[in-house]
Amino acid sequence: MPKKLSPGTVFVLDDTSDNSTFGPGKKYIAAFSCPRCTYVGFITGRELHNQATMICGGDDCSAEYHIEDDKLVFRKPQ
C-alpha cells in the first residue's frame, strides 16, 4: 500500500477472499483516504458499496460520509 494517498482515494486490498480480519468481527476490503484530512483507514464492503456510513478515524477529524453514485456525500450537520 502506498504511504500517502490523495483525498478520497480507495485502494482495494489484493486478497479479500480469505476469512482474515483486521478488527473485531469486521472484514476490511480496502484502504480509504479521508477526503478532508487524508487519514488512511480500512473500510468494509458495506461502506464501499454505500450500505454504511464511513467515519474518519483521524485524531483531529470526525468527518462522516458515504459513497453515492461514485461521489462522496458528507453528512449534513444536525
C-alpha atoms as a PDB file:
ATOM      1  CA  MET A   1       0.000   0.000   0.000  1.00  0.00           C
ATOM      2  CA  PRO A   2       1.303   3.475  -0.768  1.00  0.00           C
ATOM      3  CA  LYS A   3       2.437   5.607   2.161  1.00  0.00           C
ATOM      4  CA  LYS A   4       0.293   8.542   1.070  1.00  0.00           C
ATOM      5  CA  LEU A   5      -2.991   8.697  -0.837  1.00  0.00           C
ATOM      6  CA  SER A   6      -4.849  11.654  -2.337  1.00  0.00           C
ATOM      7  CA  PRO A   7      -8.049  12.674  -0.504  1.00  0.00           C
ATOM      8  CA  GLY A   8     -10.892  10.239  -1.189  1.00  0.00           C
ATOM      9  CA  THR A   9      -8.711   7.563  -2.784  1.00  0.00           C
ATOM     10  CA  VAL A  10      -9.798   3.920  -2.463  1.00  0.00           C
ATOM     11  CA  PHE A  11      -7.050   1.279  -2.502  1.00  0.00           C
ATOM     12  CA  VAL A  12      -8.596  -2.196  -2.799  1.00  0.00           C
ATOM     13  CA  LEU A  13      -6.673  -4.907  -0.950  1.00  0.00           C
ATOM     14  CA  ASP A  14      -5.303  -7.766  -3.061  1.00  0.00           C
ATOM     15  CA  ASP A  15      -6.802 -10.868  -1.488  1.00  0.00           C
ATOM     16  CA  THR A  16     -10.035 -10.391   0.400  1.00  0.00           C
ATOM     17  CA  SER A  17     -11.297 -13.917  -0.249  1.00  0.00           C
ATOM     18  CA  ASP A  18      -9.876 -15.393   2.968  1.00  0.00           C
ATOM     19  CA  ASN A  19     -11.564 -15.101   6.344  1.00  0.00           C
ATOM     20  CA  SER A  20      -8.941 -12.868   7.960  1.00  0.00           C
ATOM     21  CA  THR A  21      -9.984  -9.673   9.707  1.00  0.00           C
ATOM     22  CA  PHE A  22      -8.146  -6.606  10.954  1.00  0.00           C
ATOM     23  CA  GLY A  23     -10.601  -5.844  13.735  1.00  0.00           C
ATOM     24  CA  PRO A  24     -13.260  -7.483  15.879  1.00  0.00           C
ATOM     25  CA  GLY A  25     -15.719  -9.177  13.525  1.00  0.00           C
ATOM     26  CA  LYS A  26     -15.217  -6.815  10.583  1.00  0.00           C
ATOM     27  CA  LYS A  27     -13.783  -7.799   7.224  1.00  0.00           C
ATOM     28  CA  TYR A  28     -11.951  -4.865   5.682  1.00  0.00           C
ATOM     29  CA  ILE A  29     -11.595  -4.958   1.907  1.00  0.00           C
ATOM     30  CA  ALA A  30      -9.993  -1.594   1.080  1.00  0.00           C
ATOM     31  CA  ALA A  31      -7.981   1.317   2.419  1.00  0.00           C
ATOM     32  CA  PHE A  32      -9.624   4.720   2.107  1.00  0.00           C
ATOM     33  CA  SER A  33      -8.136   8.188   2.424  1.00  0.00           C
ATOM     34  CA  CYS A  34     -10.396  10.686   4.231  1.00  0.00           C
ATOM     35  CA  PRO A  35     -11.483  13.400   1.796  1.00  0.00           C
ATOM     36  CA  ARG A  36     -10.992  16.091   4.460  1.00  0.00           C
ATOM     37  CA  CYS A  37      -7.781  15.222   6.295  1.00  0.00           C
ATOM     38  CA  THR A  38      -6.293  12.375   4.145  1.00  0.00           C
ATOM     39  CA  TYR A  39      -6.086   9.974   7.137  1.00  0.00           C
ATOM     40  CA  VAL A  40      -5.866   6.452   5.702  1.00  0.00           C
ATOM     41  CA  GLY A  41      -8.063   3.812   7.312  1.00  0.00           C
ATOM     42  CA  PHE A  42      -9.618   0.483   6.356  1.00  0.00           C
ATOM     43  CA  ILE A  43     -13.225   0.170   5.167  1.00  0.00           C
ATOM     44  CA  THR A  44     -15.638  -2.750   4.865  1.00  0.00           C
ATOM     45  CA  GLY A  45     -17.522  -3.898   1.799  1.00  0.00           C
ATOM     46  CA  ARG A  46     -20.722  -2.391   3.226  1.00  0.00           C
ATOM     47  CA  GLU A  47     -19.041   1.014   3.440  1.00  0.00           C
ATOM     48  CA  LEU A  48     -17.567   0.725  -0.051  1.00  0.00           C
ATOM     49  CA  HIS A  49     -20.932  -0.204  -1.572  1.00  0.00           C
ATOM     50  CA  ASN A  50     -22.976   2.556   0.151  1.00  0.00           C
ATOM     51  CA  GLN A  51     -24.648   0.348   2.747  1.00  0.00           C
ATOM     52  CA  ALA A  52     -22.969   2.021   5.726  1.00  0.00           C
ATOM     53  CA  THR A  53     -21.613   5.452   6.607  1.00  0.00           C
ATOM     54  CA  MET A  54     -17.860   5.967   6.963  1.00  0.00           C
ATOM     55  CA  ILE A  55     -16.383   7.970   9.842  1.00  0.00           C
ATOM     56  CA  CYS A  56     -12.817   9.253   9.701  1.00  0.00           C
ATOM     57  CA  GLY A  57     -10.529   7.635  12.254  1.00  0.00           C
ATOM     58  CA  GLY A  58      -8.056  10.515  12.396  1.00  0.00           C
ATOM     59  CA  ASP A  59      -7.242  12.100  15.759  1.00  0.00           C
ATOM     60  CA  ASP A  60      -8.329  15.591  14.686  1.00  0.00           C
ATOM     61  CA  CYS A  61     -11.113  14.788  12.199  1.00  0.00           C
ATOM     62  CA  SER A  62     -14.602  13.373  12.623  1.00  0.00           C
ATOM     63  CA  ALA A  63     -15.907  13.654   9.065  1.00  0.00           C
ATOM     64  CA  GLU A  64     -18.839  11.377   8.219  1.00  0.00           C
ATOM     65  CA  TYR A  65     -19.587  10.489   4.618  1.00  0.00           C
ATOM     66  CA  HIS A  66     -20.794   7.781   2.263  1.00  0.00           C
ATOM     67  CA  ILE A  67     -20.348   6.927  -1.391  1.00  0.00           C
ATOM     68  CA  GLU A  68     -23.361   7.646  -3.599  1.00  0.00           C
ATOM     69  CA  ASP A  69     -23.221   7.136  -7.368  1.00  0.00           C
ATOM     70  CA  ASP A  70     -19.391   7.182  -7.287  1.00  0.00           C
ATOM     71  CA  LYS A  71     -19.398  10.519  -5.416  1.00  0.00           C
ATOM     72  CA  LEU A  72     -18.649  11.287  -1.781  1.00  0.00           C
ATOM     73  CA  VAL A  73     -21.559  12.770   0.136  1.00  0.00           C
ATOM     74  CA  PHE A  74     -20.832  14.341   3.515  1.00  0.00           C
ATOM     75  CA  ARG A  75     -23.292  14.033   6.377  1.00  0.00           C
ATOM     76  CA  LYS A  76     -25.210  17.237   6.887  1.00  0.00           C
ATOM     77  CA  PRO A  77     -24.825  18.979  10.276  1.00  0.00           C
ATOM     78  CA  GLN A  78     -27.658  18.219  12.688  1.00  0.00           C
END
